[in-house]
Amino acid sequence: MPAANEERSQITTHILDTGTGRPASGVKATLEAKSASGWQEIGSGSTDADGRIKNLGPVQVEAGHYRISFETGAYFGKQGTETFFPAVTIDFFVNDVAEHYHVPLLISPFAYSTYRGS
């Protein structure tokens, strides 16, 4: 949970490195919302020691089309590990503004997976 003085974003993420079996810390992520004029950045952050970003964006978002871009190439590069994916981008819809949207990412140097978390 976020600290008492820190509110959790409506959209959060968690990254696990399945190659090492550990959280992926230090991965930069950017949250964007699609508008009539294109994509607009609404938040960003880096994963903590537990692989989480709890304050990625606003506490409340509107219904719409969103995406999170993860800088996975930089993460693997710092480890001296070759990767096929320099970045991972996940597009998704927020349909119910009363719900929390958790977007986990499982990564390895040559594969990734995601799902709708809670």
N, C-alpha and C. Protein backbone atom coordinates (compact mmCIF):
# COMPACT_ATOMS: atom_id res chain seq x y z
N MET A 1 0.84 -1.19 0.00
CA MET A 1 0.00 0.00 0.00
C MET A 1 0.89 1.25 0.00
N PRO A 2 0.42 2.32 -0.58
CA PRO A 2 1.17 3.56 -0.54
C PRO A 2 1.26 4.10 0.88
N ALA A 3 2.22 4.94 1.12
CA ALA A 3 2.35 5.58 2.43
C ALA A 3 1.09 6.39 2.71
N ALA A 4 0.86 6.70 3.98
CA ALA A 4 -0.36 7.40 4.39
C ALA A 4 -0.55 8.72 3.64
N ASN A 5 0.53 9.40 3.31
CA ASN A 5 0.42 10.69 2.63
C ASN A 5 0.48 10.56 1.10
N GLU A 6 0.50 9.34 0.60
CA GLU A 6 0.62 9.10 -0.83
C GLU A 6 -0.60 8.30 -1.31
N GLU A 7 -1.34 8.88 -2.24
CA GLU A 7 -2.51 8.19 -2.76
C GLU A 7 -2.11 7.28 -3.91
N ARG A 8 -2.76 6.12 -4.01
CA ARG A 8 -2.47 5.16 -5.07
C ARG A 8 -3.16 5.61 -6.36
N SER A 9 -2.46 5.47 -7.46
CA SER A 9 -3.03 5.75 -8.77
C SER A 9 -4.17 4.79 -9.07
N GLN A 10 -5.09 5.22 -9.90
CA GLN A 10 -6.15 4.31 -10.34
C GLN A 10 -5.58 3.22 -11.24
N ILE A 11 -4.48 3.53 -11.93
CA ILE A 11 -3.80 2.56 -12.78
C ILE A 11 -2.42 2.30 -12.17
N THR A 12 -2.14 1.04 -11.87
CA THR A 12 -0.86 0.66 -11.29
C THR A 12 -0.26 -0.48 -12.11
N THR A 13 1.00 -0.79 -11.83
CA THR A 13 1.67 -1.89 -12.53
C THR A 13 2.65 -2.60 -11.61
N HIS A 14 3.04 -3.77 -12.02
CA HIS A 14 3.98 -4.61 -11.27
C HIS A 14 4.73 -5.42 -12.32
N ILE A 15 6.06 -5.44 -12.26
CA ILE A 15 6.84 -6.17 -13.25
C ILE A 15 7.67 -7.24 -12.55
N LEU A 16 7.54 -8.47 -13.05
CA LEU A 16 8.34 -9.58 -12.56
C LEU A 16 9.23 -10.08 -13.69
N ASP A 17 10.49 -10.32 -13.38
CA ASP A 17 11.45 -10.86 -14.33
C ASP A 17 11.41 -12.38 -14.18
N THR A 18 10.76 -13.05 -15.11
CA THR A 18 10.61 -14.50 -14.99
C THR A 18 11.91 -15.24 -15.26
N GLY A 19 12.88 -14.57 -15.87
CA GLY A 19 14.19 -15.19 -16.09
C GLY A 19 14.98 -15.33 -14.81
N THR A 20 14.78 -14.41 -13.89
CA THR A 20 15.50 -14.45 -12.61
C THR A 20 14.58 -14.88 -11.46
N GLY A 21 13.27 -14.83 -11.70
CA GLY A 21 12.33 -15.16 -10.64
C GLY A 21 12.21 -14.07 -9.59
N ARG A 22 12.53 -12.84 -9.97
CA ARG A 22 12.53 -11.74 -9.01
C ARG A 22 11.78 -10.53 -9.59
N PRO A 23 11.40 -9.60 -8.72
CA PRO A 23 10.81 -8.35 -9.23
C PRO A 23 11.82 -7.60 -10.10
N ALA A 24 11.32 -6.91 -11.09
CA ALA A 24 12.17 -6.10 -11.97
C ALA A 24 12.17 -4.66 -11.45
N SER A 25 13.22 -4.29 -10.75
CA SER A 25 13.29 -2.94 -10.19
C SER A 25 14.02 -2.00 -11.14
N GLY A 26 13.65 -0.73 -11.09
CA GLY A 26 14.31 0.28 -11.90
C GLY A 26 13.84 0.35 -13.34
N VAL A 27 12.69 -0.23 -13.65
CA VAL A 27 12.16 -0.16 -15.02
C VAL A 27 11.30 1.09 -15.14
N LYS A 28 11.64 1.94 -16.11
CA LYS A 28 10.86 3.15 -16.33
C LYS A 28 9.61 2.81 -17.13
N ALA A 29 8.49 3.41 -16.72
CA ALA A 29 7.21 3.21 -17.41
C ALA A 29 6.53 4.55 -17.60
N THR A 30 5.82 4.69 -18.70
CA THR A 30 5.09 5.91 -19.02
C THR A 30 3.64 5.55 -19.30
N LEU A 31 2.72 6.27 -18.66
CA LEU A 31 1.29 6.08 -18.86
C LEU A 31 0.77 7.21 -19.75
N GLU A 32 0.03 6.82 -20.81
CA GLU A 32 -0.53 7.80 -21.72
C GLU A 32 -2.01 7.54 -21.91
N ALA A 33 -2.74 8.61 -22.20
CA ALA A 33 -4.17 8.55 -22.52
C ALA A 33 -4.35 9.00 -23.96
N LYS A 34 -5.24 8.33 -24.68
CA LYS A 34 -5.51 8.72 -26.06
C LYS A 34 -6.60 9.79 -26.08
N SER A 35 -6.33 10.86 -26.81
CA SER A 35 -7.30 11.94 -26.95
C SER A 35 -7.51 12.18 -28.45
N ALA A 36 -8.37 13.11 -28.78
CA ALA A 36 -8.64 13.44 -30.19
C ALA A 36 -7.38 13.91 -30.91
N SER A 37 -6.44 14.50 -30.17
CA SER A 37 -5.21 15.00 -30.79
C SER A 37 -4.05 14.01 -30.71
N GLY A 38 -4.29 12.80 -30.19
CA GLY A 38 -3.24 11.79 -30.11
C GLY A 38 -2.97 11.38 -28.67
N TRP A 39 -1.82 10.77 -28.45
CA TRP A 39 -1.45 10.28 -27.13
C TRP A 39 -0.87 11.40 -26.28
N GLN A 40 -1.33 11.47 -25.02
CA GLN A 40 -0.85 12.48 -24.07
C GLN A 40 -0.31 11.77 -22.82
N GLU A 41 0.93 12.07 -22.45
CA GLU A 41 1.49 11.49 -21.23
C GLU A 41 0.74 12.04 -20.02
N ILE A 42 0.31 11.14 -19.14
CA ILE A 42 -0.39 11.57 -17.92
C ILE A 42 0.33 11.10 -16.65
N GLY A 43 1.42 10.36 -16.82
CA GLY A 43 2.18 9.93 -15.66
C GLY A 43 3.35 9.06 -16.06
N SER A 44 4.30 8.93 -15.14
CA SER A 44 5.46 8.07 -15.38
C SER A 44 6.11 7.74 -14.05
N GLY A 45 6.96 6.77 -14.07
CA GLY A 45 7.67 6.39 -12.86
C GLY A 45 8.59 5.22 -13.14
N SER A 46 9.28 4.78 -12.11
CA SER A 46 10.16 3.61 -12.20
C SER A 46 9.76 2.62 -11.13
N THR A 47 9.90 1.34 -11.46
CA THR A 47 9.53 0.31 -10.50
C THR A 47 10.43 0.35 -9.28
N ASP A 48 9.83 0.08 -8.11
CA ASP A 48 10.58 0.04 -6.86
C ASP A 48 11.24 -1.33 -6.69
N ALA A 49 11.81 -1.58 -5.53
CA ALA A 49 12.53 -2.84 -5.27
C ALA A 49 11.61 -4.05 -5.39
N ASP A 50 10.31 -3.85 -5.22
CA ASP A 50 9.34 -4.94 -5.35
C ASP A 50 8.77 -5.02 -6.77
N GLY A 51 9.30 -4.21 -7.70
CA GLY A 51 8.85 -4.23 -9.09
C GLY A 51 7.54 -3.49 -9.32
N ARG A 52 7.12 -2.65 -8.36
CA ARG A 52 5.82 -1.99 -8.45
C ARG A 52 5.93 -0.48 -8.69
N ILE A 53 4.91 0.05 -9.35
CA ILE A 53 4.72 1.50 -9.44
C ILE A 53 3.29 1.75 -8.97
N LYS A 54 3.18 2.30 -7.78
CA LYS A 54 1.85 2.54 -7.19
C LYS A 54 1.32 3.93 -7.50
N ASN A 55 2.19 4.83 -7.92
CA ASN A 55 1.76 6.19 -8.24
C ASN A 55 2.13 6.54 -9.68
N LEU A 56 1.69 5.67 -10.59
CA LEU A 56 2.03 5.83 -12.01
C LEU A 56 1.33 7.01 -12.66
N GLY A 57 0.11 7.30 -12.22
CA GLY A 57 -0.66 8.37 -12.84
C GLY A 57 -1.64 8.97 -11.88
N PRO A 58 -2.68 9.57 -12.40
CA PRO A 58 -3.67 10.23 -11.54
C PRO A 58 -4.40 9.25 -10.62
N VAL A 59 -4.91 9.78 -9.52
CA VAL A 59 -5.71 9.00 -8.59
C VAL A 59 -7.02 8.60 -9.26
N GLN A 60 -7.51 9.42 -10.17
CA GLN A 60 -8.76 9.14 -10.89
C GLN A 60 -8.56 9.46 -12.37
N VAL A 61 -8.99 8.54 -13.24
CA VAL A 61 -8.94 8.78 -14.68
C VAL A 61 -10.34 8.66 -15.25
N GLU A 62 -10.52 9.18 -16.45
CA GLU A 62 -11.78 9.08 -17.17
C GLU A 62 -11.81 7.76 -17.95
N ALA A 63 -12.99 7.32 -18.33
CA ALA A 63 -13.10 6.17 -19.21
C ALA A 63 -12.37 6.50 -20.51
N GLY A 64 -11.70 5.52 -21.08
CA GLY A 64 -11.00 5.77 -22.33
C GLY A 64 -9.94 4.75 -22.64
N HIS A 65 -9.13 5.06 -23.62
CA HIS A 65 -8.07 4.21 -24.15
C HIS A 65 -6.74 4.69 -23.55
N TYR A 66 -6.00 3.77 -22.95
CA TYR A 66 -4.74 4.08 -22.29
C TYR A 66 -3.66 3.12 -22.75
N ARG A 67 -2.41 3.51 -22.50
CA ARG A 67 -1.31 2.59 -22.74
C ARG A 67 -0.19 2.87 -21.76
N ILE A 68 0.52 1.80 -21.44
CA ILE A 68 1.73 1.91 -20.62
C ILE A 68 2.89 1.40 -21.47
N SER A 69 3.95 2.20 -21.55
CA SER A 69 5.17 1.81 -22.27
C SER A 69 6.26 1.55 -21.24
N PHE A 70 6.89 0.40 -21.35
CA PHE A 70 7.94 -0.03 -20.42
C PHE A 70 9.28 -0.06 -21.14
N GLU A 71 10.31 0.50 -20.53
CA GLU A 71 11.65 0.51 -21.12
C GLU A 71 12.41 -0.75 -20.71
N THR A 72 12.01 -1.87 -21.28
CA THR A 72 12.60 -3.16 -20.91
C THR A 72 14.02 -3.33 -21.43
N GLY A 73 14.33 -2.72 -22.56
CA GLY A 73 15.69 -2.82 -23.10
C GLY A 73 16.71 -2.22 -22.17
N ALA A 74 16.40 -1.07 -21.59
CA ALA A 74 17.33 -0.44 -20.64
C ALA A 74 17.51 -1.31 -19.40
N TYR A 75 16.41 -1.92 -18.93
CA TYR A 75 16.48 -2.80 -17.75
C TYR A 75 17.43 -3.97 -18.02
N PHE A 76 17.24 -4.67 -19.14
CA PHE A 76 18.11 -5.81 -19.44
C PHE A 76 19.54 -5.36 -19.76
N GLY A 77 19.67 -4.19 -20.41
CA GLY A 77 21.00 -3.67 -20.72
C GLY A 77 21.83 -3.43 -19.47
N LYS A 78 21.21 -2.92 -18.40
CA LYS A 78 21.93 -2.69 -17.14
C LYS A 78 22.43 -3.99 -16.53
N GLN A 79 21.77 -5.09 -16.88
CA GLN A 79 22.17 -6.40 -16.37
C GLN A 79 23.17 -7.09 -17.31
N GLY A 80 23.45 -6.46 -18.44
CA GLY A 80 24.33 -7.07 -19.43
C GLY A 80 23.68 -8.24 -20.14
N THR A 81 22.34 -8.20 -20.23
CA THR A 81 21.58 -9.29 -20.84
C THR A 81 20.99 -8.83 -22.17
N GLU A 82 21.23 -9.60 -23.21
CA GLU A 82 20.64 -9.32 -24.52
C GLU A 82 19.14 -9.55 -24.45
N THR A 83 18.38 -8.71 -25.13
CA THR A 83 16.93 -8.88 -25.18
C THR A 83 16.43 -8.62 -26.59
N PHE A 84 15.35 -9.27 -26.94
CA PHE A 84 14.73 -9.09 -28.25
C PHE A 84 13.80 -7.88 -28.26
N PHE A 85 13.26 -7.52 -27.09
CA PHE A 85 12.28 -6.45 -26.98
C PHE A 85 12.87 -5.23 -26.28
N PRO A 86 13.17 -4.15 -27.02
CA PRO A 86 13.71 -2.96 -26.38
C PRO A 86 12.67 -2.21 -25.56
N ALA A 87 11.39 -2.48 -25.86
CA ALA A 87 10.29 -1.84 -25.13
C ALA A 87 9.06 -2.73 -25.24
N VAL A 88 8.18 -2.59 -24.26
CA VAL A 88 6.89 -3.28 -24.28
C VAL A 88 5.82 -2.21 -24.08
N THR A 89 4.82 -2.22 -24.94
CA THR A 89 3.70 -1.29 -24.82
C THR A 89 2.41 -2.08 -24.71
N ILE A 90 1.63 -1.74 -23.68
CA ILE A 90 0.36 -2.43 -23.44
C ILE A 90 -0.76 -1.41 -23.57
N ASP A 91 -1.65 -1.64 -24.52
CA ASP A 91 -2.85 -0.81 -24.70
C ASP A 91 -4.02 -1.47 -23.99
N PHE A 92 -4.87 -0.66 -23.37
CA PHE A 92 -6.04 -1.20 -22.67
C PHE A 92 -7.10 -0.11 -22.54
N PHE A 93 -8.30 -0.53 -22.19
CA PHE A 93 -9.41 0.38 -22.00
C PHE A 93 -9.80 0.46 -20.53
N VAL A 94 -10.09 1.65 -20.07
CA VAL A 94 -10.73 1.86 -18.77
C VAL A 94 -12.20 2.09 -19.09
N ASN A 95 -13.03 1.16 -18.67
CA ASN A 95 -14.47 1.27 -18.93
C ASN A 95 -15.25 1.69 -17.70
N ASP A 96 -14.83 1.23 -16.53
CA ASP A 96 -15.54 1.52 -15.29
C ASP A 96 -14.64 2.39 -14.41
N VAL A 97 -14.95 3.67 -14.31
CA VAL A 97 -14.09 4.60 -13.57
C VAL A 97 -14.12 4.37 -12.07
N ALA A 98 -15.00 3.52 -11.59
CA ALA A 98 -15.04 3.20 -10.16
C ALA A 98 -14.06 2.07 -9.80
N GLU A 99 -13.50 1.39 -10.80
CA GLU A 99 -12.59 0.28 -10.56
C GLU A 99 -11.13 0.71 -10.57
N HIS A 100 -10.30 -0.10 -9.91
CA HIS A 100 -8.85 0.04 -9.97
C HIS A 100 -8.35 -0.83 -11.13
N TYR A 101 -7.39 -0.33 -11.89
CA TYR A 101 -6.83 -1.07 -13.02
C TYR A 101 -5.37 -1.37 -12.74
N HIS A 102 -5.07 -2.66 -12.53
CA HIS A 102 -3.71 -3.12 -12.28
C HIS A 102 -3.25 -3.86 -13.53
N VAL A 103 -2.11 -3.44 -14.09
CA VAL A 103 -1.61 -3.98 -15.34
C VAL A 103 -0.23 -4.60 -15.10
N PRO A 104 -0.17 -5.86 -14.69
CA PRO A 104 1.11 -6.52 -14.44
C PRO A 104 1.82 -6.88 -15.74
N LEU A 105 3.13 -7.00 -15.67
CA LEU A 105 3.94 -7.40 -16.81
C LEU A 105 4.95 -8.45 -16.35
N LEU A 106 5.00 -9.57 -17.04
CA LEU A 106 5.99 -10.61 -16.79
C LEU A 106 6.97 -10.55 -17.95
N ILE A 107 8.26 -10.40 -17.65
CA ILE A 107 9.25 -10.25 -18.71
C ILE A 107 10.36 -11.28 -18.58
N SER A 108 10.95 -11.59 -19.71
CA SER A 108 12.20 -12.33 -19.81
C SER A 108 12.89 -11.76 -21.04
N PRO A 109 14.13 -12.10 -21.28
CA PRO A 109 14.83 -11.48 -22.41
C PRO A 109 14.18 -11.69 -23.78
N PHE A 110 13.42 -12.79 -23.95
CA PHE A 110 12.87 -13.08 -25.27
C PHE A 110 11.37 -13.36 -25.26
N ALA A 111 10.68 -12.90 -24.20
CA ALA A 111 9.23 -13.08 -24.14
C ALA A 111 8.64 -12.13 -23.09
N TYR A 112 7.35 -11.87 -23.23
CA TYR A 112 6.64 -11.13 -22.18
C TYR A 112 5.17 -11.54 -22.21
N SER A 113 4.51 -11.28 -21.07
CA SER A 113 3.10 -11.61 -20.92
C SER A 113 2.47 -10.60 -20.00
N THR A 114 1.17 -10.41 -20.13
CA THR A 114 0.45 -9.49 -19.26
C THR A 114 -0.96 -10.01 -19.04
N TYR A 115 -1.65 -9.41 -18.11
CA TYR A 115 -3.04 -9.77 -17.82
C TYR A 115 -3.66 -8.65 -17.03
N ARG A 116 -4.98 -8.69 -16.87
CA ARG A 116 -5.68 -7.69 -16.05
C ARG A 116 -5.63 -8.17 -14.61
N GLY A 117 -4.95 -7.44 -13.76
CA GLY A 117 -4.86 -7.79 -12.36
C GLY A 117 -5.88 -7.03 -11.54
N SER A 118 -5.78 -7.17 -10.24
CA SER A 118 -6.71 -6.45 -9.37
C SER A 118 -5.97 -5.77 -8.24
